[in-house]
């Protein structure tokens, strides 16, 4: 996960959000249960204006994990 996030940060700083999304999606097979990965993918999709419903679904996955604790 650190390698994907580091590569994504480089593209993020260059404002190449399509590349950030592509990099993050490469890790979905291994990282789809990690909250950090889920929220970063959701942020990227939301900021791109690409698919708000997909971003909301990813955010919802993280929120539901912790809704029991409140």
N, C-alpha and C. Protein backbone atom coordinates (compact mmCIF):
# COMPACT_ATOMS: atom_id res chain seq x y z
N UNK A 1 0.82 -1.19 0.00
CA UNK A 1 0.00 0.00 0.00
C UNK A 1 0.86 1.26 0.00
N UNK A 2 1.96 1.31 0.75
CA UNK A 2 2.76 2.54 0.73
C UNK A 2 3.28 2.90 -0.66
N UNK A 3 3.64 1.90 -1.45
CA UNK A 3 4.16 2.19 -2.79
C UNK A 3 3.08 2.80 -3.68
N UNK A 4 1.89 2.23 -3.65
CA UNK A 4 0.80 2.77 -4.47
C UNK A 4 0.44 4.18 -4.02
N UNK A 5 0.40 4.40 -2.71
CA UNK A 5 0.07 5.73 -2.19
C UNK A 5 1.15 6.74 -2.56
N UNK A 6 2.41 6.33 -2.51
CA UNK A 6 3.51 7.25 -2.87
C UNK A 6 3.44 7.61 -4.35
N UNK A 7 3.20 6.64 -5.21
CA UNK A 7 3.07 6.93 -6.64
C UNK A 7 1.86 7.81 -6.90
N UNK A 8 0.77 7.55 -6.18
CA UNK A 8 -0.42 8.38 -6.31
C UNK A 8 -0.18 9.82 -5.88
N UNK A 9 0.61 9.99 -4.83
CA UNK A 9 0.94 11.34 -4.33
C UNK A 9 1.69 12.15 -5.39
N UNK A 10 2.60 11.49 -6.08
CA UNK A 10 3.35 12.18 -7.14
C UNK A 10 2.40 12.68 -8.22
N UNK A 11 1.49 11.81 -8.66
CA UNK A 11 0.51 12.21 -9.67
C UNK A 11 -0.46 13.24 -9.14
N UNK A 12 -0.83 13.13 -7.86
CA UNK A 12 -1.73 14.10 -7.23
C UNK A 12 -1.11 15.49 -7.26
N UNK A 13 0.18 15.56 -6.92
CA UNK A 13 0.88 16.85 -6.92
C UNK A 13 0.97 17.45 -8.33
N UNK A 14 0.99 16.61 -9.34
CA UNK A 14 0.99 17.07 -10.73
C UNK A 14 -0.42 17.37 -11.22
N UNK A 15 -1.41 17.15 -10.35
CA UNK A 15 -2.82 17.34 -10.66
C UNK A 15 -3.30 16.44 -11.80
N UNK A 16 -2.72 15.25 -11.88
CA UNK A 16 -3.12 14.24 -12.86
C UNK A 16 -4.02 13.23 -12.15
N UNK A 17 -5.26 13.64 -11.93
CA UNK A 17 -6.19 12.82 -11.15
C UNK A 17 -6.58 11.53 -11.87
N UNK A 18 -6.57 11.54 -13.18
CA UNK A 18 -6.87 10.30 -13.92
C UNK A 18 -5.80 9.25 -13.62
N UNK A 19 -4.55 9.66 -13.55
CA UNK A 19 -3.46 8.75 -13.23
C UNK A 19 -3.55 8.27 -11.78
N UNK A 20 -3.94 9.16 -10.88
CA UNK A 20 -4.12 8.77 -9.48
C UNK A 20 -5.19 7.68 -9.38
N UNK A 21 -6.30 7.90 -10.05
CA UNK A 21 -7.38 6.91 -10.02
C UNK A 21 -6.91 5.58 -10.61
N UNK A 22 -6.19 5.63 -11.73
CA UNK A 22 -5.68 4.42 -12.36
C UNK A 22 -4.76 3.65 -11.41
N UNK A 23 -3.86 4.37 -10.76
CA UNK A 23 -2.93 3.72 -9.82
C UNK A 23 -3.68 3.09 -8.64
N UNK A 24 -4.61 3.84 -8.09
CA UNK A 24 -5.35 3.32 -6.94
C UNK A 24 -6.19 2.11 -7.31
N UNK A 25 -6.77 2.12 -8.48
CA UNK A 25 -7.59 0.99 -8.91
C UNK A 25 -6.75 -0.26 -9.15
N UNK A 26 -5.48 -0.09 -9.44
CA UNK A 26 -4.60 -1.25 -9.61
C UNK A 26 -4.49 -2.05 -8.31
N UNK A 27 -4.63 -1.37 -7.20
CA UNK A 27 -4.50 -2.03 -5.91
C UNK A 27 -5.78 -2.60 -5.36
N UNK A 28 -6.88 -2.49 -6.09
CA UNK A 28 -8.17 -2.90 -5.53
C UNK A 28 -8.22 -4.38 -5.15
N UNK A 29 -7.51 -5.21 -5.87
CA UNK A 29 -7.53 -6.64 -5.57
C UNK A 29 -6.95 -6.94 -4.19
N UNK A 30 -5.95 -6.15 -3.79
CA UNK A 30 -5.26 -6.41 -2.53
C UNK A 30 -5.66 -5.47 -1.40
N UNK A 31 -6.20 -4.32 -1.76
CA UNK A 31 -6.42 -3.27 -0.76
C UNK A 31 -7.87 -2.92 -0.52
N UNK A 32 -8.81 -3.64 -1.12
CA UNK A 32 -10.21 -3.23 -1.04
C UNK A 32 -10.80 -3.31 0.37
N UNK A 33 -10.07 -3.86 1.32
CA UNK A 33 -10.56 -3.90 2.70
C UNK A 33 -9.87 -2.85 3.58
N UNK A 34 -9.02 -2.04 3.01
CA UNK A 34 -8.28 -1.01 3.76
C UNK A 34 -9.02 0.32 3.68
N UNK A 35 -9.33 0.88 4.85
CA UNK A 35 -10.08 2.14 4.90
C UNK A 35 -9.35 3.28 4.21
N UNK A 36 -8.04 3.34 4.40
CA UNK A 36 -7.24 4.41 3.78
C UNK A 36 -7.35 4.35 2.26
N UNK A 37 -7.24 3.16 1.71
CA UNK A 37 -7.34 3.00 0.27
C UNK A 37 -8.74 3.37 -0.22
N UNK A 38 -9.77 2.88 0.48
CA UNK A 38 -11.15 3.17 0.09
C UNK A 38 -11.42 4.67 0.07
N UNK A 39 -10.98 5.36 1.12
CA UNK A 39 -11.26 6.80 1.18
C UNK A 39 -10.47 7.57 0.13
N UNK A 40 -9.25 7.16 -0.16
CA UNK A 40 -8.47 7.83 -1.19
C UNK A 40 -9.07 7.64 -2.58
N UNK A 41 -9.53 6.44 -2.87
CA UNK A 41 -10.20 6.21 -4.16
C UNK A 41 -11.47 7.04 -4.23
N UNK A 42 -12.25 7.04 -3.16
CA UNK A 42 -13.48 7.83 -3.13
C UNK A 42 -13.20 9.32 -3.33
N UNK A 43 -12.19 9.84 -2.65
CA UNK A 43 -11.82 11.26 -2.81
C UNK A 43 -11.47 11.56 -4.27
N UNK A 44 -10.66 10.71 -4.85
CA UNK A 44 -10.22 10.93 -6.23
C UNK A 44 -11.39 10.91 -7.20
N UNK A 45 -12.26 9.93 -7.06
CA UNK A 45 -13.42 9.83 -7.95
C UNK A 45 -14.33 11.03 -7.76
N UNK A 46 -14.55 11.44 -6.51
CA UNK A 46 -15.41 12.58 -6.22
C UNK A 46 -14.83 13.87 -6.81
N UNK A 47 -13.55 14.10 -6.60
CA UNK A 47 -12.93 15.34 -7.09
C UNK A 47 -12.95 15.40 -8.61
N UNK A 48 -12.76 14.27 -9.26
CA UNK A 48 -12.81 14.24 -10.72
C UNK A 48 -14.21 14.50 -11.24
N UNK A 49 -15.23 14.35 -10.39
CA UNK A 49 -16.61 14.53 -10.83
C UNK A 49 -17.04 13.40 -11.74
N UNK A 50 -16.34 12.32 -11.62
CA UNK A 50 -16.45 11.18 -12.52
C UNK A 50 -17.72 10.36 -12.24
N UNK A 51 -17.93 10.02 -10.98
CA UNK A 51 -19.10 9.22 -10.61
C UNK A 51 -19.38 9.42 -9.14
N UNK A 52 -20.27 10.36 -8.86
CA UNK A 52 -20.57 10.65 -7.46
C UNK A 52 -21.19 9.46 -6.74
N UNK A 53 -21.98 8.68 -7.44
CA UNK A 53 -22.60 7.53 -6.79
C UNK A 53 -21.57 6.47 -6.42
N UNK A 54 -20.57 6.28 -7.26
CA UNK A 54 -19.50 5.33 -6.94
C UNK A 54 -18.70 5.82 -5.73
N UNK A 55 -18.37 7.11 -5.71
CA UNK A 55 -17.64 7.69 -4.58
C UNK A 55 -18.45 7.54 -3.30
N UNK A 56 -19.73 7.83 -3.37
CA UNK A 56 -20.59 7.71 -2.19
C UNK A 56 -20.63 6.28 -1.68
N UNK A 57 -20.66 5.32 -2.58
CA UNK A 57 -20.66 3.91 -2.17
C UNK A 57 -19.38 3.53 -1.44
N UNK A 58 -18.25 4.05 -1.92
CA UNK A 58 -16.97 3.77 -1.25
C UNK A 58 -16.92 4.43 0.13
N UNK A 59 -17.37 5.69 0.19
CA UNK A 59 -17.42 6.37 1.49
C UNK A 59 -18.33 5.60 2.45
N UNK A 60 -19.47 5.16 1.94
CA UNK A 60 -20.44 4.46 2.77
C UNK A 60 -19.86 3.18 3.36
N UNK A 61 -19.04 2.49 2.60
CA UNK A 61 -18.39 1.27 3.10
C UNK A 61 -17.56 1.56 4.34
N UNK A 62 -16.83 2.65 4.31
CA UNK A 62 -15.99 3.02 5.46
C UNK A 62 -16.85 3.47 6.63
N UNK A 63 -17.85 4.29 6.36
CA UNK A 63 -18.71 4.83 7.42
C UNK A 63 -19.47 3.71 8.13
N UNK A 64 -19.96 2.75 7.37
CA UNK A 64 -20.72 1.64 7.99
C UNK A 64 -19.87 0.81 8.94
N UNK A 65 -18.58 0.68 8.65
CA UNK A 65 -17.68 -0.07 9.53
C UNK A 65 -17.65 0.52 10.93
N UNK A 66 -17.75 1.84 11.01
CA UNK A 66 -17.58 2.53 12.28
C UNK A 66 -18.87 3.08 12.85
N UNK A 67 -20.00 2.89 12.19
CA UNK A 67 -21.25 3.44 12.69
C UNK A 67 -21.72 2.76 13.98
N UNK A 68 -21.28 1.54 14.21
CA UNK A 68 -21.63 0.83 15.43
C UNK A 68 -20.98 1.45 16.67
N UNK A 69 -19.88 2.12 16.48
CA UNK A 69 -19.09 2.64 17.59
C UNK A 69 -19.62 3.94 18.17
N UNK A 70 -20.54 4.57 17.49
CA UNK A 70 -21.03 5.88 17.94
C UNK A 70 -22.16 5.70 18.91
